[in-house]
Amino acid sequence: MYDLPITNHAVLPVMTIEYAHLVMREHLDCPATICPVKAQAKRRLIEAGKLVPADVPHLGY
């Protein structure tokens, strides 16, 4: 955002779905395997059913 580097990657005590979406946008260049807050946001979105990882098998029927 504003071409400034992201400097805070700390995990939050509570993450809403809306904030998880914001984190995923702001930490676009961060790998979720390295960035703790992006990993937390990804888990939150998966738990809420808002994100289905590609490595999870999909049942098309």
PDB file of N, CA and C in Angstrom:
ATOM      1  N   MET A   1       0.842  -1.168   0.000  1.00  0.00           N
ATOM      2  CA  MET A   1       0.000   0.000   0.000  1.00  0.00           C
ATOM      3  C   MET A   1       0.889   1.234   0.000  1.00  0.00           C
ATOM      4  N   TYR A   2       0.662   2.148  -0.870  1.00  0.00           N
ATOM      5  CA  TYR A   2       1.451   3.362  -1.022  1.00  0.00           C
ATOM      6  C   TYR A   2       2.919   3.066  -1.311  1.00  0.00           C
ATOM      7  N   ASP A   3       3.197   1.889  -1.845  1.00  0.00           N
ATOM      8  CA  ASP A   3       4.554   1.463  -2.187  1.00  0.00           C
ATOM      9  C   ASP A   3       5.512   1.447  -1.002  1.00  0.00           C
ATOM     10  N   LEU A   4       4.978   1.358   0.205  1.00  0.00           N
ATOM     11  CA  LEU A   4       5.816   1.233   1.397  1.00  0.00           C
ATOM     12  C   LEU A   4       5.934  -0.244   1.742  1.00  0.00           C
ATOM     13  N   PRO A   5       7.112  -0.673   2.184  1.00  0.00           N
ATOM     14  CA  PRO A   5       7.263  -2.085   2.545  1.00  0.00           C
ATOM     15  C   PRO A   5       6.463  -2.432   3.797  1.00  0.00           C
ATOM     16  N   ILE A   6       5.934  -3.632   3.827  1.00  0.00           N
ATOM     17  CA  ILE A   6       5.221  -4.121   4.996  1.00  0.00           C
ATOM     18  C   ILE A   6       6.252  -4.408   6.078  1.00  0.00           C
ATOM     19  N   THR A   7       6.034  -3.871   7.265  1.00  0.00           N
ATOM     20  CA  THR A   7       7.024  -4.059   8.330  1.00  0.00           C
ATOM     21  C   THR A   7       6.486  -4.876   9.501  1.00  0.00           C
ATOM     22  N   ASN A   8       5.165  -5.014   9.616  1.00  0.00           N
ATOM     23  CA  ASN A   8       4.606  -5.740  10.749  1.00  0.00           C
ATOM     24  C   ASN A   8       4.037  -7.071  10.276  1.00  0.00           C
ATOM     25  N   HIS A   9       4.629  -8.156  10.729  1.00  0.00           N
ATOM     26  CA  HIS A   9       4.193  -9.494  10.349  1.00  0.00           C
ATOM     27  C   HIS A   9       3.741 -10.294  11.568  1.00  0.00           C
ATOM     28  N   ALA A  10       3.479  -9.602  12.688  1.00  0.00           N
ATOM     29  CA  ALA A  10       3.122 -10.271  13.940  1.00  0.00           C
ATOM     30  C   ALA A  10       1.692 -10.811  13.900  1.00  0.00           C
ATOM     31  N   VAL A  11       1.493 -11.955  14.544  1.00  0.00           N
ATOM     32  CA  VAL A  11       0.176 -12.574  14.654  1.00  0.00           C
ATOM     33  C   VAL A  11      -0.709 -11.715  15.552  1.00  0.00           C
ATOM     34  N   LEU A  12      -1.994 -11.653  15.238  1.00  0.00           N
ATOM     35  CA  LEU A  12      -2.949 -10.873  16.013  1.00  0.00           C
ATOM     36  C   LEU A  12      -3.727 -11.771  16.979  1.00  0.00           C
ATOM     37  N   PRO A  13      -4.164 -11.230  18.124  1.00  0.00           N
ATOM     38  CA  PRO A  13      -4.926 -12.051  19.061  1.00  0.00           C
ATOM     39  C   PRO A  13      -6.283 -12.477  18.494  1.00  0.00           C
ATOM     40  N   VAL A  14      -6.921 -11.584  17.727  1.00  0.00           N
ATOM     41  CA  VAL A  14      -8.217 -11.871  17.100  1.00  0.00           C
ATOM     42  C   VAL A  14      -8.171 -11.329  15.683  1.00  0.00           C
ATOM     43  N   MET A  15      -8.650 -12.139  14.723  1.00  0.00           N
ATOM     44  CA  MET A  15      -8.675 -11.690  13.345  1.00  0.00           C
ATOM     45  C   MET A  15     -10.067 -11.908  12.771  1.00  0.00           C
ATOM     46  N   THR A  16     -10.681 -10.824  12.313  1.00  0.00           N
ATOM     47  CA  THR A  16     -11.985 -10.933  11.674  1.00  0.00           C
ATOM     48  C   THR A  16     -11.789 -11.382  10.224  1.00  0.00           C
ATOM     49  N   ILE A  17     -12.857 -11.828   9.618  1.00  0.00           N
ATOM     50  CA  ILE A  17     -12.791 -12.237   8.213  1.00  0.00           C
ATOM     51  C   ILE A  17     -12.437 -11.040   7.337  1.00  0.00           C
ATOM     52  N   GLU A  18     -13.011  -9.889   7.631  1.00  0.00           N
ATOM     53  CA  GLU A  18     -12.732  -8.682   6.844  1.00  0.00           C
ATOM     54  C   GLU A  18     -11.255  -8.304   6.934  1.00  0.00           C
ATOM     55  N   TYR A  19     -10.695  -8.386   8.148  1.00  0.00           N
ATOM     56  CA  TYR A  19      -9.281  -8.047   8.311  1.00  0.00           C
ATOM     57  C   TYR A  19      -8.386  -9.097   7.657  1.00  0.00           C
ATOM     58  N   ALA A  20      -8.818 -10.344   7.673  1.00  0.00           N
ATOM     59  CA  ALA A  20      -8.048 -11.397   7.004  1.00  0.00           C
ATOM     60  C   ALA A  20      -7.951 -11.116   5.507  1.00  0.00           C
ATOM     61  N   HIS A  21      -9.045 -10.646   4.905  1.00  0.00           N
ATOM     62  CA  HIS A  21      -9.012 -10.272   3.490  1.00  0.00           C
ATOM     63  C   HIS A  21      -8.022  -9.126   3.262  1.00  0.00           C
ATOM     64  N   LEU A  22      -8.028  -8.144   4.160  1.00  0.00           N
ATOM     65  CA  LEU A  22      -7.110  -7.013   4.051  1.00  0.00           C
ATOM     66  C   LEU A  22      -5.657  -7.472   4.161  1.00  0.00           C
ATOM     67  N   VAL A  23      -5.380  -8.351   5.110  1.00  0.00           N
ATOM     68  CA  VAL A  23      -4.019  -8.880   5.283  1.00  0.00           C
ATOM     69  C   VAL A  23      -3.565  -9.605   4.025  1.00  0.00           C
ATOM     70  N   MET A  24      -4.445 -10.411   3.450  1.00  0.00           N
ATOM     71  CA  MET A  24      -4.078 -11.152   2.239  1.00  0.00           C
ATOM     72  C   MET A  24      -3.735 -10.201   1.095  1.00  0.00           C
ATOM     73  N   ARG A  25      -4.428  -9.065   1.020  1.00  0.00           N
ATOM     74  CA  ARG A  25      -4.119  -8.069  -0.025  1.00  0.00           C
ATOM     75  C   ARG A  25      -2.821  -7.328   0.279  1.00  0.00           C
ATOM     76  N   GLU A  26      -2.662  -6.897   1.531  1.00  0.00           N
ATOM     77  CA  GLU A  26      -1.482  -6.101   1.889  1.00  0.00           C
ATOM     78  C   GLU A  26      -0.198  -6.927   1.901  1.00  0.00           C
ATOM     79  N   HIS A  27      -0.289  -8.192   2.224  1.00  0.00           N
ATOM     80  CA  HIS A  27       0.887  -9.067   2.294  1.00  0.00           C
ATOM     81  C   HIS A  27       0.969  -9.961   1.062  1.00  0.00           C
ATOM     82  N   LEU A  28       0.558  -9.432  -0.067  1.00  0.00           N
ATOM     83  CA  LEU A  28       0.507 -10.185  -1.315  1.00  0.00           C
ATOM     84  C   LEU A  28       1.856 -10.800  -1.669  1.00  0.00           C
ATOM     85  N   ASP A  29       2.937 -10.082  -1.438  1.00  0.00           N
ATOM     86  CA  ASP A  29       4.266 -10.573  -1.802  1.00  0.00           C
ATOM     87  C   ASP A  29       4.902 -11.462  -0.728  1.00  0.00           C
ATOM     88  N   CYS A  30       4.277 -11.556   0.437  1.00  0.00           N
ATOM     89  CA  CYS A  30       4.819 -12.393   1.516  1.00  0.00           C
ATOM     90  C   CYS A  30       4.388 -13.843   1.317  1.00  0.00           C
ATOM     91  N   PRO A  31       5.310 -14.794   1.410  1.00  0.00           N
ATOM     92  CA  PRO A  31       4.903 -16.201   1.393  1.00  0.00           C
ATOM     93  C   PRO A  31       4.221 -16.550   2.725  1.00  0.00           C
ATOM     94  N   ALA A  32       3.102 -17.244   2.667  1.00  0.00           N
ATOM     95  CA  ALA A  32       2.374 -17.624   3.891  1.00  0.00           C
ATOM     96  C   ALA A  32       3.193 -18.575   4.756  1.00  0.00           C
ATOM     97  N   THR A  33       4.162 -19.241   4.159  1.00  0.00           N
ATOM     98  CA  THR A  33       5.008 -20.158   4.928  1.00  0.00           C
ATOM     99  C   THR A  33       6.015 -19.403   5.792  1.00  0.00           C
ATOM    100  N   ILE A  34       6.241 -18.120   5.498  1.00  0.00           N
ATOM    101  CA  ILE A  34       7.222 -17.320   6.229  1.00  0.00           C
ATOM    102  C   ILE A  34       6.566 -16.205   7.041  1.00  0.00           C
ATOM    103  N   CYS A  35       5.481 -15.632   6.539  1.00  0.00           N
ATOM    104  CA  CYS A  35       4.815 -14.489   7.172  1.00  0.00           C
ATOM    105  C   CYS A  35       3.730 -14.981   8.142  1.00  0.00           C
ATOM    106  N   PRO A  36       3.928 -14.805   9.451  1.00  0.00           N
ATOM    107  CA  PRO A  36       2.968 -15.332  10.426  1.00  0.00           C
ATOM    108  C   PRO A  36       1.564 -14.746  10.298  1.00  0.00           C
ATOM    109  N   VAL A  37       1.451 -13.452  10.025  1.00  0.00           N
ATOM    110  CA  VAL A  37       0.119 -12.851   9.946  1.00  0.00           C
ATOM    111  C   VAL A  37      -0.608 -13.290   8.675  1.00  0.00           C
ATOM    112  N   LYS A  38       0.117 -13.499   7.588  1.00  0.00           N
ATOM    113  CA  LYS A  38      -0.526 -13.991   6.370  1.00  0.00           C
ATOM    114  C   LYS A  38      -0.980 -15.442   6.564  1.00  0.00           C
ATOM    115  N   ALA A  39      -0.178 -16.234   7.249  1.00  0.00           N
ATOM    116  CA  ALA A  39      -0.570 -17.611   7.544  1.00  0.00           C
ATOM    117  C   ALA A  39      -1.814 -17.626   8.425  1.00  0.00           C
ATOM    118  N   GLN A  40      -1.876 -16.719   9.409  1.00  0.00           N
ATOM    119  CA  GLN A  40      -3.047 -16.620  10.270  1.00  0.00           C
ATOM    120  C   GLN A  40      -4.279 -16.215   9.452  1.00  0.00           C
ATOM    121  N   ALA A  41      -4.121 -15.251   8.565  1.00  0.00           N
ATOM    122  CA  ALA A  41      -5.233 -14.802   7.729  1.00  0.00           C
ATOM    123  C   ALA A  41      -5.714 -15.931   6.816  1.00  0.00           C
ATOM    124  N   LYS A  42      -4.788 -16.669   6.259  1.00  0.00           N
ATOM    125  CA  LYS A  42      -5.154 -17.791   5.381  1.00  0.00           C
ATOM    126  C   LYS A  42      -5.936 -18.846   6.163  1.00  0.00           C
ATOM    127  N   ARG A  43      -5.451 -19.195   7.363  1.00  0.00           N
ATOM    128  CA  ARG A  43      -6.170 -20.164   8.199  1.00  0.00           C
ATOM    129  C   ARG A  43      -7.565 -19.671   8.548  1.00  0.00           C
ATOM    130  N   ARG A  44      -7.686 -18.380   8.861  1.00  0.00           N
ATOM    131  CA  ARG A  44      -8.980 -17.792   9.227  1.00  0.00           C
ATOM    132  C   ARG A  44      -9.958 -17.880   8.058  1.00  0.00           C
ATOM    133  N   LEU A  45      -9.493 -17.588   6.856  1.00  0.00           N
ATOM    134  CA  LEU A  45     -10.355 -17.646   5.686  1.00  0.00           C
ATOM    135  C   LEU A  45     -10.736 -19.081   5.334  1.00  0.00           C
ATOM    136  N   ILE A  46      -9.822 -20.007   5.543  1.00  0.00           N
ATOM    137  CA  ILE A  46     -10.127 -21.427   5.304  1.00  0.00           C
ATOM    138  C   ILE A  46     -11.169 -21.906   6.308  1.00  0.00           C
ATOM    139  N   GLU A  47     -10.985 -21.549   7.585  1.00  0.00           N
ATOM    140  CA  GLU A  47     -11.942 -21.940   8.622  1.00  0.00           C
ATOM    141  C   GLU A  47     -13.335 -21.388   8.348  1.00  0.00           C
ATOM    142  N   ALA A  48     -13.392 -20.164   7.803  1.00  0.00           N
ATOM    143  CA  ALA A  48     -14.674 -19.518   7.517  1.00  0.00           C
ATOM    144  C   ALA A  48     -15.287 -20.009   6.212  1.00  0.00           C
ATOM    145  N   GLY A  49     -14.563 -20.834   5.461  1.00  0.00           N
ATOM    146  CA  GLY A  49     -15.072 -21.328   4.184  1.00  0.00           C
ATOM    147  C   GLY A  49     -14.980 -20.302   3.067  1.00  0.00           C
ATOM    148  N   LYS A  50     -14.185 -19.261   3.268  1.00  0.00           N
ATOM    149  CA  LYS A  50     -14.018 -18.207   2.262  1.00  0.00           C
ATOM    150  C   LYS A  50     -12.873 -18.489   1.310  1.00  0.00           C
ATOM    151  N   LEU A  51     -12.031 -19.461   1.656  1.00  0.00           N
ATOM    152  CA  LEU A  51     -10.879 -19.815   0.836  1.00  0.00           C
ATOM    153  C   LEU A  51     -10.728 -21.323   0.852  1.00  0.00           C
ATOM    154  N   VAL A  52     -10.599 -21.884  -0.332  1.00  0.00           N
ATOM    155  CA  VAL A  52     -10.369 -23.320  -0.456  1.00  0.00           C
ATOM    156  C   VAL A  52      -9.015 -23.488  -1.124  1.00  0.00           C
ATOM    157  N   PRO A  53      -8.022 -23.991  -0.374  1.00  0.00           N
ATOM    158  CA  PRO A  53      -6.683 -24.154  -0.953  1.00  0.00           C
ATOM    159  C   PRO A  53      -6.704 -25.137  -2.119  1.00  0.00           C
ATOM    160  N   ALA A  54      -5.850 -24.921  -3.072  1.00  0.00           N
ATOM    161  CA  ALA A  54      -5.796 -25.779  -4.256  1.00  0.00           C
ATOM    162  C   ALA A  54      -5.330 -27.179  -3.925  1.00  0.00           C
ATOM    163  N   ASP A  55      -4.612 -27.353  -2.803  1.00  0.00           N
ATOM    164  CA  ASP A  55      -4.115 -28.680  -2.485  1.00  0.00           C
ATOM    165  C   ASP A  55      -5.163 -29.549  -1.785  1.00  0.00           C
ATOM    166  N   VAL A  56      -6.363 -29.000  -1.537  1.00  0.00           N
ATOM    167  CA  VAL A  56      -7.462 -29.768  -0.967  1.00  0.00           C
ATOM    168  C   VAL A  56      -8.279 -30.356  -2.119  1.00  0.00           C
ATOM    169  N   PRO A  57      -8.545 -31.663  -2.129  1.00  0.00           N
ATOM    170  CA  PRO A  57      -9.328 -32.245  -3.209  1.00  0.00           C
ATOM    171  C   PRO A  57     -10.739 -31.648  -3.269  1.00  0.00           C
ATOM    172  N   HIS A  58     -11.180 -31.391  -4.464  1.00  0.00           N
ATOM    173  CA  HIS A  58     -12.511 -30.842  -4.676  1.00  0.00           C
ATOM    174  C   HIS A  58     -13.429 -31.931  -5.179  1.00  0.00           C
ATOM    175  N   LEU A  59     -14.608 -32.009  -4.606  1.00  0.00           N
ATOM    176  CA  LEU A  59     -15.603 -32.955  -5.081  1.00  0.00           C
ATOM    177  C   LEU A  59     -16.588 -32.178  -5.972  1.00  0.00           C
ATOM    178  N   GLY A  60     -16.584 -32.502  -7.222  1.00  0.00           N
ATOM    179  CA  GLY A  60     -17.415 -31.777  -8.162  1.00  0.00           C
ATOM    180  C   GLY A  60     -18.821 -32.324  -8.301  1.00  0.00           C
ATOM    181  N   TYR A  61     -19.234 -33.193  -7.405  1.00  0.00           N
ATOM    182  CA  TYR A  61     -20.592 -33.738  -7.486  1.00  0.00           C
ATOM    183  C   TYR A  61     -21.213 -33.821  -6.131  1.00  0.00           C
TER     184      TYR A  61
END
